[in-house]
C-alpha atoms as a PDB file:
ATOM      1  CA  MET A   1     114.225 288.076  90.368  1.00  0.00           C
ATOM      2  CA  LYS A   2     111.905 287.786  87.374  1.00  0.00           C
ATOM      3  CA  TYR A   3     110.657 284.265  86.718  1.00  0.00           C
ATOM      4  CA  PHE A   4     110.519 282.795  83.220  1.00  0.00           C
ATOM      5  CA  GLN A   5     111.172 279.300  84.524  1.00  0.00           C
ATOM      6  CA  CYS A   6     107.759 277.736  83.905  1.00  0.00           C
ATOM      7  CA  ASP A   7     104.092 278.610  83.434  1.00  0.00           C
ATOM      8  CA  TYR A   8     102.803 277.719  86.890  1.00  0.00           C
ATOM      9  CA  VAL A   9     104.775 279.967  89.234  1.00  0.00           C
ATOM     10  CA  GLU A  10     101.745 282.202  89.871  1.00  0.00           C
ATOM     11  CA  GLY A  11      98.456 281.355  91.581  1.00  0.00           C
ATOM     12  CA  CYS A  12      95.332 281.770  89.474  1.00  0.00           C
ATOM     13  CA  HIS A  13      93.571 284.373  87.381  1.00  0.00           C
ATOM     14  CA  PRO A  14      91.978 287.092  89.559  1.00  0.00           C
ATOM     15  CA  LYS A  15      88.499 286.293  88.205  1.00  0.00           C
ATOM     16  CA  ILE A  16      88.859 282.750  89.503  1.00  0.00           C
ATOM     17  CA  LEU A  17      90.114 283.940  92.866  1.00  0.00           C
ATOM     18  CA  GLN A  18      87.212 286.356  93.159  1.00  0.00           C
ATOM     19  CA  LYS A  19      84.695 283.626  92.341  1.00  0.00           C
ATOM     20  CA  LEU A  20      86.283 281.307  94.898  1.00  0.00           C
ATOM     21  CA  ILE A  21      85.973 284.017  97.547  1.00  0.00           C
ATOM     22  CA  GLU A  22      82.359 284.788  96.640  1.00  0.00           C
ATOM     23  CA  SER A  23      81.356 281.117  96.844  1.00  0.00           C
ATOM     24  CA  ASN A  24      83.537 280.214  99.807  1.00  0.00           C
ATOM     25  CA  LEU A  25      80.778 279.681 102.362  1.00  0.00           C
ATOM     26  CA  GLU A  26      78.329 278.034  99.992  1.00  0.00           C
ATOM     27  CA  GLN A  27      77.460 274.426 100.713  1.00  0.00           C
ATOM     28  CA  THR A  28      77.570 272.147  97.665  1.00  0.00           C
ATOM     29  CA  PRO A  29      77.757 268.396  97.041  1.00  0.00           C
ATOM     30  CA  GLY A  30      81.259 266.978  96.667  1.00  0.00           C
ATOM     31  CA  TYR A  31      83.298 265.134  94.060  1.00  0.00           C
ATOM     32  CA  GLY A  32      82.277 267.252  91.064  1.00  0.00           C
ATOM     33  CA  THR A  33      78.514 266.811  91.431  1.00  0.00           C
ATOM     34  CA  ASP A  34      77.897 270.496  92.191  1.00  0.00           C
ATOM     35  CA  LYS A  35      76.262 273.170  90.057  1.00  0.00           C
ATOM     36  CA  TYR A  36      79.557 274.867  89.179  1.00  0.00           C
ATOM     37  CA  SER A  37      81.083 271.675  87.820  1.00  0.00           C
ATOM     38  CA  GLU A  38      77.944 271.005  85.799  1.00  0.00           C
ATOM     39  CA  ALA A  39      78.018 274.515  84.354  1.00  0.00           C
ATOM     40  CA  ALA A  40      81.689 274.066  83.429  1.00  0.00           C
ATOM     41  CA  ARG A  41      80.932 270.743  81.746  1.00  0.00           C
ATOM     42  CA  LYS A  42      78.278 272.311  79.571  1.00  0.00           C
ATOM     43  CA  LYS A  43      80.559 275.164  78.528  1.00  0.00           C
ATOM     44  CA  ILE A  44      83.353 272.761  77.620  1.00  0.00           C
ATOM     45  CA  GLN A  45      80.952 270.524  75.694  1.00  0.00           C
ATOM     46  CA  GLU A  46      79.773 273.566  73.759  1.00  0.00           C
ATOM     47  CA  ALA A  47      83.348 274.673  73.032  1.00  0.00           C
ATOM     48  CA  CYS A  48      84.127 271.167  71.765  1.00  0.00           C
ATOM     49  CA  GLY A  49      80.967 271.066  69.646  1.00  0.00           C
ATOM     50  CA  ASN A  50      79.881 267.867  71.355  1.00  0.00           C
ATOM     51  CA  PRO A  51      77.017 268.001  73.871  1.00  0.00           C
ATOM     52  CA  GLU A  52      77.378 264.253  74.526  1.00  0.00           C
ATOM     53  CA  ALA A  53      81.049 264.327  75.512  1.00  0.00           C
ATOM     54  CA  GLU A  54      82.012 263.234  79.004  1.00  0.00           C
ATOM     55  CA  VAL A  55      83.893 265.876  80.988  1.00  0.00           C
ATOM     56  CA  HIS A  56      85.732 264.991  84.199  1.00  0.00           C
ATOM     57  CA  PHE A  57      87.807 267.261  86.424  1.00  0.00           C
ATOM     58  CA  LEU A  58      91.062 265.990  87.946  1.00  0.00           C
ATOM     59  CA  VAL A  59      93.524 267.645  90.282  1.00  0.00           C
ATOM     60  CA  GLY A  60      96.699 267.713  88.176  1.00  0.00           C
ATOM     61  CA  GLY A  61      98.512 266.665  85.027  1.00  0.00           C
ATOM     62  CA  THR A  62     100.404 263.633  86.314  1.00  0.00           C
ATOM     63  CA  GLN A  63      97.278 262.238  87.963  1.00  0.00           C
ATOM     64  CA  THR A  64      95.421 262.818  84.701  1.00  0.00           C
ATOM     65  CA  ASN A  65      97.963 261.058  82.494  1.00  0.00           C
ATOM     66  CA  LEU A  66      98.248 258.182  84.947  1.00  0.00           C
ATOM     67  CA  THR A  67      94.478 257.783  85.308  1.00  0.00           C
ATOM     68  CA  VAL A  68      93.647 257.983  81.612  1.00  0.00           C
ATOM     69  CA  ILE A  69      96.366 255.569  80.549  1.00  0.00           C
ATOM     70  CA  ALA A  70      95.651 253.075  83.335  1.00  0.00           C
ATOM     71  CA  SER A  71      91.936 253.168  82.503  1.00  0.00           C
ATOM     72  CA  ILE A  72      92.497 252.155  78.887  1.00  0.00           C
ATOM     73  CA  LEU A  73      95.380 249.664  78.904  1.00  0.00           C
ATOM     74  CA  ARG A  74      95.171 246.000  79.739  1.00  0.00           C
ATOM     75  CA  PRO A  75      97.937 244.597  81.999  1.00  0.00           C
ATOM     76  CA  TRP A  76     100.077 243.379  79.077  1.00  0.00           C
ATOM     77  CA  GLN A  77      99.863 246.601  77.086  1.00  0.00           C
ATOM     78  CA  GLY A  78     101.972 249.742  76.842  1.00  0.00           C
ATOM     79  CA  VAL A  79     101.519 253.252  75.492  1.00  0.00           C
ATOM     80  CA  LEU A  80     103.290 254.609  72.414  1.00  0.00           C
ATOM     81  CA  SER A  81     104.851 258.029  72.947  1.00  0.00           C
ATOM     82  CA  ALA A  82     107.573 260.244  71.541  1.00  0.00           C
ATOM     83  CA  GLU A  83     110.831 259.635  73.380  1.00  0.00           C
ATOM     84  CA  THR A  84     110.612 263.266  74.502  1.00  0.00           C
ATOM     85  CA  GLY A  85     106.998 262.842  75.670  1.00  0.00           C
ATOM     86  CA  HIS A  86     106.154 264.109  79.136  1.00  0.00           C
ATOM     87  CA  ILE A  87     105.121 260.665  80.374  1.00  0.00           C
ATOM     88  CA  ASN A  88     108.501 259.307  79.284  1.00  0.00           C
ATOM     89  CA  CYS A  89     110.701 262.071  80.679  1.00  0.00           C
ATOM     90  CA  HIS A  90     109.083 264.076  83.453  1.00  0.00           C
ATOM     91  CA  GLU A  91     106.678 261.976  85.487  1.00  0.00           C
ATOM     92  CA  THR A  92     109.064 259.904  87.582  1.00  0.00           C
ATOM     93  CA  GLY A  93     107.971 256.625  86.025  1.00  0.00           C
ATOM     94  CA  ALA A  94     104.329 257.147  87.033  1.00  0.00           C
ATOM     95  CA  ILE A  95     103.066 255.136  84.069  1.00  0.00           C
ATOM     96  CA  GLU A  96     105.472 252.280  84.767  1.00  0.00           C
ATOM     97  CA  ALA A  97     104.524 252.387  88.448  1.00  0.00           C
ATOM     98  CA  ALA A  98     100.963 251.615  87.341  1.00  0.00           C
ATOM     99  CA  GLY A  99     102.245 248.519  85.538  1.00  0.00           C
ATOM    100  CA  HIS A 100     102.446 249.841  81.980  1.00  0.00           C
ATOM    101  CA  LYS A 101     105.523 250.410  79.846  1.00  0.00           C
ATOM    102  CA  VAL A 102     106.026 253.601  77.840  1.00  0.00           C
ATOM    103  CA  LEU A 103     106.958 252.483  74.324  1.00  0.00           C
ATOM    104  CA  ALA A 104     109.157 255.369  73.184  1.00  0.00           C
ATOM    105  CA  LEU A 105     109.407 256.350  69.519  1.00  0.00           C
ATOM    106  CA  PRO A 106     112.272 258.478  68.147  1.00  0.00           C
ATOM    107  CA  SER A 107     111.471 262.121  67.474  1.00  0.00           C
ATOM    108  CA  THR A 108     113.476 265.126  66.380  1.00  0.00           C
ATOM    109  CA  ASP A 109     110.882 267.789  67.198  1.00  0.00           C
ATOM    110  CA  GLY A 110     108.637 266.208  69.817  1.00  0.00           C
ATOM    111  CA  THR A 111     106.032 264.876  67.377  1.00  0.00           C
ATOM    112  CA  ILE A 112     105.397 261.343  66.155  1.00  0.00           C
ATOM    113  CA  THR A 113     103.786 260.281  62.889  1.00  0.00           C
ATOM    114  CA  GLY A 114     101.076 257.927  61.785  1.00  0.00           C
ATOM    115  CA  GLU A 115     103.696 256.035  59.799  1.00  0.00           C
ATOM    116  CA  GLN A 116     105.734 255.429  62.963  1.00  0.00           C
ATOM    117  CA  VAL A 117     102.674 254.073  64.751  1.00  0.00           C
ATOM    118  CA  HIS A 118     101.789 251.876  61.775  1.00  0.00           C
ATOM    119  CA  ARG A 119     105.321 250.509  61.477  1.00  0.00           C
ATOM    120  CA  TYR A 120     105.667 249.784  65.190  1.00  0.00           C
ATOM    121  CA  CYS A 121     102.323 247.998  65.357  1.00  0.00           C
ATOM    122  CA  GLN A 122     102.922 246.068  62.177  1.00  0.00           C
ATOM    123  CA  GLU A 123     106.269 244.802  63.440  1.00  0.00           C
ATOM    124  CA  HIS A 124     104.724 243.807  66.761  1.00  0.00           C
ATOM    125  CA  PHE A 125     101.632 242.015  65.499  1.00  0.00           C
ATOM    126  CA  GLU A 126     103.511 240.212  62.707  1.00  0.00           C
ATOM    127  CA  SER A 127     106.245 239.033  65.064  1.00  0.00           C
ATOM    128  CA  GLU A 128     106.407 235.307  65.848  1.00  0.00           C
ATOM    129  CA  ILE A 129     107.247 236.160  69.462  1.00  0.00           C
ATOM    130  CA  LYS A 130     104.763 238.979  69.980  1.00  0.00           C
ATOM    131  CA  GLU A 131     103.334 237.360  73.123  1.00  0.00           C
ATOM    132  CA  HIS A 132     106.729 237.815  74.766  1.00  0.00           C
ATOM    133  CA  THR A 133     106.807 241.587  74.275  1.00  0.00           C
ATOM    134  CA  VAL A 134     104.635 244.460  75.460  1.00  0.00           C
ATOM    135  CA  GLN A 135     101.661 245.015  73.169  1.00  0.00           C
ATOM    136  CA  PRO A 136     100.966 248.584  72.006  1.00  0.00           C
ATOM    137  CA  GLY A 137      97.572 249.504  73.426  1.00  0.00           C
ATOM    138  CA  MET A 138      97.188 253.250  72.900  1.00  0.00           C
ATOM    139  CA  VAL A 139      99.001 256.327  71.583  1.00  0.00           C
ATOM    140  CA  TYR A 140      99.964 259.376  73.665  1.00  0.00           C
ATOM    141  CA  ILE A 141     100.863 262.764  72.211  1.00  0.00           C
ATOM    142  CA  SER A 142     100.751 266.300  73.544  1.00  0.00           C
ATOM    143  CA  HIS A 143      99.701 269.534  71.846  1.00  0.00           C
ATOM    144  CA  PRO A 144     101.915 271.483  72.139  1.00  0.00           C
ATOM    145  CA  THR A 145     104.681 268.918  72.436  1.00  0.00           C
ATOM    146  CA  GLU A 146     107.321 268.989  75.153  1.00  0.00           C
ATOM    147  CA  ASN A 147     109.443 270.913  72.629  1.00  0.00           C
ATOM    148  CA  GLY A 148     106.760 273.533  72.087  1.00  0.00           C
ATOM    149  CA  THR A 149     105.988 272.291  68.568  1.00  0.00           C
ATOM    150  CA  LEU A 150     102.499 271.789  67.182  1.00  0.00           C
ATOM    151  CA  TYR A 151     100.671 269.106  65.249  1.00  0.00           C
ATOM    152  CA  THR A 152      98.949 270.105  62.024  1.00  0.00           C
ATOM    153  CA  LYS A 153      95.443 268.932  61.290  1.00  0.00           C
ATOM    154  CA  ALA A 154      96.837 266.656  58.572  1.00  0.00           C
ATOM    155  CA  GLN A 155      99.364 265.114  60.971  1.00  0.00           C
ATOM    156  CA  LEU A 156      96.674 264.501  63.561  1.00  0.00           C
ATOM    157  CA  ALA A 157      94.375 262.950  60.954  1.00  0.00           C
ATOM    158  CA  GLU A 158      97.211 260.663  59.828  1.00  0.00           C
ATOM    159  CA  LEU A 159      97.823 259.593  63.419  1.00  0.00           C
ATOM    160  CA  LYS A 160      94.128 258.951  63.946  1.00  0.00           C
ATOM    161  CA  LYS A 161      93.989 256.780  60.815  1.00  0.00           C
ATOM    162  CA  ALA A 162      96.918 254.657  62.020  1.00  0.00           C
ATOM    163  CA  CYS A 163      95.347 254.333  65.459  1.00  0.00           C
ATOM    164  CA  GLU A 164      92.040 253.199  63.977  1.00  0.00           C
ATOM    165  CA  GLU A 165      93.817 250.608  61.845  1.00  0.00           C
ATOM    166  CA  TYR A 166      95.157 248.935  64.975  1.00  0.00           C
ATOM    167  CA  HIS A 167      92.257 249.843  67.300  1.00  0.00           C
ATOM    168  CA  LEU A 168      94.418 252.077  69.487  1.00  0.00           C
ATOM    169  CA  PRO A 169      92.791 254.962  71.372  1.00  0.00           C
ATOM    170  CA  LEU A 170      94.538 258.280  70.689  1.00  0.00           C
ATOM    171  CA  PHE A 171      95.131 260.381  73.822  1.00  0.00           C
ATOM    172  CA  ILE A 172      96.199 264.035  73.726  1.00  0.00           C
ATOM    173  CA  ASP A 173      97.873 265.589  76.749  1.00  0.00           C
ATOM    174  CA  GLY A 174      96.641 269.176  76.752  1.00  0.00           C
ATOM    175  CA  ALA A 175      98.514 270.530  79.758  1.00  0.00           C
ATOM    176  CA  ARG A 176      99.401 273.574  77.624  1.00  0.00           C
ATOM    177  CA  LEU A 177      96.536 273.229  75.168  1.00  0.00           C
ATOM    178  CA  GLY A 178      95.494 276.871  75.505  1.00  0.00           C
ATOM    179  CA  TYR A 179      98.936 278.048  74.413  1.00  0.00           C
ATOM    180  CA  GLY A 180      98.864 275.664  71.470  1.00  0.00           C
ATOM    181  CA  LEU A 181      95.409 276.657  70.258  1.00  0.00           C
ATOM    182  CA  THR A 182      96.256 280.374  70.385  1.00  0.00           C
ATOM    183  CA  SER A 183      99.617 280.115  68.640  1.00  0.00           C
ATOM    184  CA  PRO A 184      99.865 281.822  65.235  1.00  0.00           C
ATOM    185  CA  GLY A 185     101.313 278.528  63.982  1.00  0.00           C
ATOM    186  CA  ASN A 186      98.293 276.497  65.066  1.00  0.00           C
ATOM    187  CA  GLY A 187      95.836 275.056  62.552  1.00  0.00           C
ATOM    188  CA  LEU A 188      93.600 273.167  64.968  1.00  0.00           C
ATOM    189  CA  THR A 189      90.481 274.134  66.853  1.00  0.00           C
ATOM    190  CA  LEU A 190      89.109 272.589  70.011  1.00  0.00           C
ATOM    191  CA  LYS A 191      86.384 271.041  67.859  1.00  0.00           C
ATOM    192  CA  ASP A 192      89.021 269.487  65.565  1.00  0.00           C
ATOM    193  CA  ILE A 193      90.758 267.935  68.544  1.00  0.00           C
ATOM    194  CA  ALA A 194      87.488 266.561  69.891  1.00  0.00           C
ATOM    195  CA  GLN A 195      86.866 264.919  66.512  1.00  0.00           C
ATOM    196  CA  LEU A 196      90.357 263.601  65.849  1.00  0.00           C
ATOM    197  CA  CYS A 197      91.201 261.928  69.148  1.00  0.00           C
ATOM    198  CA  ASP A 198      89.520 259.523  71.541  1.00  0.00           C
ATOM    199  CA  ILE A 199      90.341 261.266  74.791  1.00  0.00           C
ATOM    200  CA  PHE A 200      92.148 264.482  75.697  1.00  0.00           C
ATOM    201  CA  TYR A 201      92.417 267.001  78.469  1.00  0.00           C
ATOM    202  CA  ILE A 202      92.270 270.754  78.724  1.00  0.00           C
ATOM    203  CA  GLY A 203      95.050 271.991  80.951  1.00  0.00           C
ATOM    204  CA  GLY A 204      94.205 274.363  83.775  1.00  0.00           C
ATOM    205  CA  THR A 205      97.257 274.273  86.046  1.00  0.00           C
ATOM    206  CA  LYS A 206      99.494 275.934  83.429  1.00  0.00           C
ATOM    207  CA  CYS A 207      96.761 277.999  81.811  1.00  0.00           C
ATOM    208  CA  GLY A 208      95.255 280.261  84.457  1.00  0.00           C
ATOM    209  CA  ALA A 209      93.758 277.891  87.032  1.00  0.00           C
ATOM    210  CA  MET A 210      95.052 277.458  90.563  1.00  0.00           C
ATOM    211  CA  PHE A 211      95.224 273.749  89.739  1.00  0.00           C
ATOM    212  CA  GLY A 212      93.290 271.120  87.813  1.00  0.00           C
ATOM    213  CA  GLU A 213      92.682 269.602  84.386  1.00  0.00           C
ATOM    214  CA  ALA A 214      89.493 268.805  82.459  1.00  0.00           C
ATOM    215  CA  VAL A 215      89.409 265.394  80.777  1.00  0.00           C
ATOM    216  CA  VAL A 216      87.167 265.195  77.723  1.00  0.00           C
ATOM    217  CA  ILE A 217      85.969 261.873  76.314  1.00  0.00           C
ATOM    218  CA  PRO A 218      84.197 262.752  73.040  1.00  0.00           C
ATOM    219  CA  ASN A 219      82.608 259.314  72.655  1.00  0.00           C
ATOM    220  CA  SER A 220      80.749 258.860  75.906  1.00  0.00           C
ATOM    221  CA  GLY A 221      81.227 255.390  77.323  1.00  0.00           C
ATOM    222  CA  LEU A 222      84.632 254.785  75.738  1.00  0.00           C
ATOM    223  CA  VAL A 223      86.118 254.195  79.180  1.00  0.00           C
ATOM    224  CA  LYS A 224      83.958 252.117  81.483  1.00  0.00           C
ATOM    225  CA  ASP A 225      83.753 253.276  85.096  1.00  0.00           C
ATOM    226  CA  PHE A 226      86.152 256.168  84.589  1.00  0.00           C
ATOM    227  CA  ARG A 227      85.132 257.861  87.838  1.00  0.00           C
ATOM    228  CA  TYR A 228      86.187 254.734  89.722  1.00  0.00           C
ATOM    229  CA  MET A 229      89.632 255.118  88.162  1.00  0.00           C
ATOM    230  CA  ILE A 230      89.820 258.816  89.040  1.00  0.00           C
ATOM    231  CA  LYS A 231      89.132 258.004  92.680  1.00  0.00           C
ATOM    232  CA  GLN A 232      91.503 255.062  92.847  1.00  0.00           C
ATOM    233  CA  ARG A 233      94.382 256.966  91.234  1.00  0.00           C
ATOM    234  CA  GLY A 234      94.127 259.979  93.529  1.00  0.00           C
ATOM    235  CA  GLY A 235      92.752 262.394  90.950  1.00  0.00           C
ATOM    236  CA  MET A 236      89.332 263.064  92.474  1.00  0.00           C
ATOM    237  CA  LEU A 237      88.871 266.115  94.684  1.00  0.00           C
ATOM    238  CA  ALA A 238      86.372 265.917  97.532  1.00  0.00           C
ATOM    239  CA  LYS A 239      85.762 269.663  97.277  1.00  0.00           C
ATOM    240  CA  GLY A 240      85.139 269.207  93.584  1.00  0.00           C
ATOM    241  CA  ARG A 241      83.452 272.549  93.201  1.00  0.00           C
ATOM    242  CA  LEU A 242      86.886 274.183  93.432  1.00  0.00           C
ATOM    243  CA  LEU A 243      87.682 272.637  90.052  1.00  0.00           C
ATOM    244  CA  GLY A 244      84.253 273.365  88.608  1.00  0.00           C
ATOM    245  CA  ILE A 245      84.436 277.042  89.550  1.00  0.00           C
ATOM    246  CA  GLN A 246      87.824 277.402  87.908  1.00  0.00           C
ATOM    247  CA  PHE A 247      86.847 275.875  84.579  1.00  0.00           C
ATOM    248  CA  ASP A 248      83.457 277.572  84.593  1.00  0.00           C
ATOM    249  CA  THR A 249      85.299 280.891  84.901  1.00  0.00           C
ATOM    250  CA  LEU A 250      87.952 280.056  82.317  1.00  0.00           C
ATOM    251  CA  PHE A 251      85.327 279.075  79.757  1.00  0.00           C
ATOM    252  CA  THR A 252      83.207 282.178  80.282  1.00  0.00           C
ATOM    253  CA  ASP A 253      83.643 284.846  77.574  1.00  0.00           C
ATOM    254  CA  ARG A 254      86.677 283.022  76.116  1.00  0.00           C
ATOM    255  CA  LEU A 255      88.888 283.946  79.077  1.00  0.00           C
ATOM    256  CA  TYR A 256      90.943 280.747  78.659  1.00  0.00           C
ATOM    257  CA  PHE A 257      91.915 281.623  75.114  1.00  0.00           C
ATOM    258  CA  GLU A 258      92.509 285.327  75.704  1.00  0.00           C
ATOM    259  CA  ILE A 259      94.983 284.867  78.558  1.00  0.00           C
ATOM    260  CA  CYS A 260      96.859 282.100  76.747  1.00  0.00           C
ATOM    261  CA  GLU A 261      97.123 284.139  73.548  1.00  0.00           C
ATOM    262  CA  LYS A 262      98.695 287.003  75.490  1.00  0.00           C
ATOM    263  CA  ALA A 263     101.398 284.675  76.848  1.00  0.00           C
ATOM    264  CA  VAL A 264     102.177 283.365  73.372  1.00  0.00           C
ATOM    265  CA  LYS A 265     102.592 286.891  72.010  1.00  0.00           C
ATOM    266  CA  GLN A 266     104.990 287.703  74.847  1.00  0.00           C
ATOM    267  CA  ALA A 267     107.043 284.561  74.178  1.00  0.00           C
ATOM    268  CA  LEU A 268     107.278 285.332  70.480  1.00  0.00           C
ATOM    269  CA  ALA A 269     108.502 288.836  71.322  1.00  0.00           C
ATOM    270  CA  LEU A 270     111.320 287.218  73.324  1.00  0.00           C
ATOM    271  CA  ARG A 271     112.034 284.887  70.408  1.00  0.00           C
ATOM    272  CA  GLU A 272     112.339 287.865  68.078  1.00  0.00           C
ATOM    273  CA  ALA A 273     114.704 289.638  70.473  1.00  0.00           C
ATOM    274  CA  PHE A 274     117.048 286.653  70.698  1.00  0.00           C
ATOM    275  CA  THR A 275     116.954 286.279  66.906  1.00  0.00           C
ATOM    276  CA  GLU A 276     117.744 289.957  66.344  1.00  0.00           C
ATOM    277  CA  LYS A 277     120.708 289.604  68.686  1.00  0.00           C
ATOM    278  CA  GLY A 278     121.978 286.647  66.658  1.00  0.00           C
ATOM    279  CA  ILE A 279     121.547 284.194  69.516  1.00  0.00           C
ATOM    280  CA  PRO A 280     120.537 280.795  68.111  1.00  0.00           C
ATOM    281  CA  LEU A 281     117.237 279.099  68.870  1.00  0.00           C
ATOM    282  CA  TYR A 282     116.699 275.426  69.588  1.00  0.00           C
ATOM    283  CA  GLY A 283     113.716 274.054  67.686  1.00  0.00           C
ATOM    284  CA  GLU A 284     110.738 275.771  66.134  1.00  0.00           C
ATOM    285  CA  SER A 285     108.428 276.499  69.043  1.00  0.00           C
ATOM    286  CA  ARG A 286     105.711 279.028  68.290  1.00  0.00           C
ATOM    287  CA  THR A 287     104.108 278.735  71.707  1.00  0.00           C
ATOM    288  CA  ASN A 288     104.766 280.130  75.187  1.00  0.00           C
ATOM    289  CA  GLN A 289     107.943 278.069  75.544  1.00  0.00           C
ATOM    290  CA  GLN A 290     111.065 279.334  73.808  1.00  0.00           C
ATOM    291  CA  PHE A 291     114.285 277.332  73.712  1.00  0.00           C
ATOM    292  CA  ILE A 292     117.501 279.318  73.384  1.00  0.00           C
ATOM    293  CA  ILE A 293     121.171 278.305  73.048  1.00  0.00           C
ATOM    294  CA  LEU A 294     123.363 280.408  75.344  1.00  0.00           C
ATOM    295  CA  ASN A 295     127.041 280.465  76.200  1.00  0.00           C
ATOM    296  CA  GLY A 296     128.330 280.620  79.748  1.00  0.00           C
ATOM    297  CA  GLU A 297     128.872 284.379  79.792  1.00  0.00           C
ATOM    298  CA  GLN A 298     125.362 285.070  78.512  1.00  0.00           C
ATOM    299  CA  MET A 299     123.880 282.782  81.148  1.00  0.00           C
ATOM    300  CA  LYS A 300     125.904 284.440  83.886  1.00  0.00           C
ATOM    301  CA  LYS A 301     124.593 287.891  82.945  1.00  0.00           C
ATOM    302  CA  LEU A 302     120.959 286.768  82.693  1.00  0.00           C
ATOM    303  CA  ASP A 303     121.217 284.842  85.980  1.00  0.00           C
ATOM    304  CA  GLU A 304     121.550 288.163  87.808  1.00  0.00           C
ATOM    305  CA  LYS A 305     117.908 289.085  87.178  1.00  0.00           C
ATOM    306  CA  TYR A 306     116.053 286.166  85.608  1.00  0.00           C
ATOM    307  CA  ALA A 307     115.070 282.608  86.432  1.00  0.00           C
ATOM    308  CA  TYR A 308     114.790 280.219  83.493  1.00  0.00           C
ATOM    309  CA  GLU A 309     115.100 276.470  83.037  1.00  0.00           C
ATOM    310  CA  VAL A 310     118.264 274.691  81.937  1.00  0.00           C
ATOM    311  CA  TRP A 311     117.171 272.183  79.293  1.00  0.00           C
ATOM    312  CA  GLY A 312     120.523 270.505  78.573  1.00  0.00           C
ATOM    313  CA  PRO A 313     123.844 270.774  76.721  1.00  0.00           C
ATOM    314  CA  SER A 314     123.730 271.787  73.071  1.00  0.00           C
ATOM    315  CA  GLY A 315     126.769 269.666  72.225  1.00  0.00           C
ATOM    316  CA  ASP A 316     129.080 272.544  71.361  1.00  0.00           C
ATOM    317  CA  GLY A 317     129.947 273.788  74.825  1.00  0.00           C
ATOM    318  CA  ARG A 318     126.826 275.910  75.078  1.00  0.00           C
ATOM    319  CA  THR A 319     123.547 275.210  76.889  1.00  0.00           C
ATOM    320  CA  ILE A 320     119.936 274.933  75.786  1.00  0.00           C
ATOM    321  CA  VAL A 321     117.685 276.888  78.134  1.00  0.00           C
ATOM    322  CA  ARG A 322     113.944 277.499  78.201  1.00  0.00           C
ATOM    323  CA  PHE A 323     112.199 280.814  78.734  1.00  0.00           C
ATOM    324  CA  CYS A 324     108.527 280.295  79.481  1.00  0.00           C
ATOM    325  CA  THR A 325     105.789 282.901  79.675  1.00  0.00           C
ATOM    326  CA  SER A 326     102.409 282.364  81.317  1.00  0.00           C
ATOM    327  CA  TRP A 327      98.940 283.859  81.437  1.00  0.00           C
ATOM    328  CA  ALA A 328     100.224 286.090  84.266  1.00  0.00           C
ATOM    329  CA  THR A 329     103.562 287.235  82.831  1.00  0.00           C
ATOM    330  CA  ARG A 330     103.846 291.007  83.112  1.00  0.00           C
ATOM    331  CA  ASP A 331     104.573 293.076  80.011  1.00  0.00           C
ATOM    332  CA  GLU A 332     107.121 295.117  81.963  1.00  0.00           C
ATOM    333  CA  ASP A 333     109.093 291.973  82.805  1.00  0.00           C
ATOM    334  CA  VAL A 334     109.121 290.965  79.146  1.00  0.00           C
ATOM    335  CA  GLU A 335     110.278 294.448  78.160  1.00  0.00           C
ATOM    336  CA  SER A 336     113.021 294.325  80.802  1.00  0.00           C
ATOM    337  CA  LEU A 337     114.256 290.978  79.494  1.00  0.00           C
ATOM    338  CA  ILE A 338     114.214 292.188  75.901  1.00  0.00           C
ATOM    339  CA  ARG A 339     116.375 295.186  76.872  1.00  0.00           C
ATOM    340  CA  ASP A 340     118.849 292.892  78.612  1.00  0.00           C
ATOM    341  CA  ILE A 341     118.906 290.494  75.663  1.00  0.00           C
ATOM    342  CA  HIS A 342     120.017 293.372  73.452  1.00  0.00           C
ATOM    343  CA  GLU A 343     122.816 294.131  75.942  1.00  0.00           C
ATOM    344  CA  LEU A 344     124.248 290.593  75.863  1.00  0.00           C
END
């Protein structure tokens, strides 16, 4: 069976594994205060063009989203998100479990606009009964979105402007940030993101690390006592050097970007194969996630050799499925799938 189900079915990049082996018996301080974590912080600060940015390492994406959002919102506030946003659909109510409502906005492609944020906030703050409803306290987006789509620099700037108007921090979930930044459809750099949002994270779990995410707070001090929140929400690793080593390796010689770019190229090759076969696509993803509309017979044939994710019904008797490449996807597996696509 060849797995195209998600981008975290493998372990970690061999360079990371080798570094973990080499440093295995070293003794270092815990909780991210070691030399490897400090080296990783400096490399990430340099990549973001901001030597003053705070960089914190957490164990996983859900813990990161939960910790960041809980650290910013007051008890009566909620977080604005696309209705398809990860925090609204795939985190088992983690945000609500922390006492904060996800305020979902309609979206056709996974993105939300500055105008939507402005309109929602205006309606709330001008309402005569606003104290009886959840107050919007921050905005959550992801790049790429859950649909694999990307924000343009202009869209992000428009969102930032709306957020500033209502004093809402803008948070970018970067679980797949590497795949977004290396997409041929991307117009943003890591430096742009660091300038146009208030807090974001660089995904490791889905982008070559064994596990872990790097939270970046461009304006140091934005979140008071953030490390307290990391600890309380279960995101702090005692053996913190394991995270530091991984991100130090990923941000050496642009490894992070090179391995993510390879996965995007593989996914776009699959996209082209489905298109050539006349099989319809769902959405306009230009990243490592490709959404395809298949009929039952096509699914049955592909099920013999490939694992993929069922996304949902397309509404016409067919099914939307997702094929996902990763930093570790083998070219020969992509070539095998392309051959079988042409035989459908």
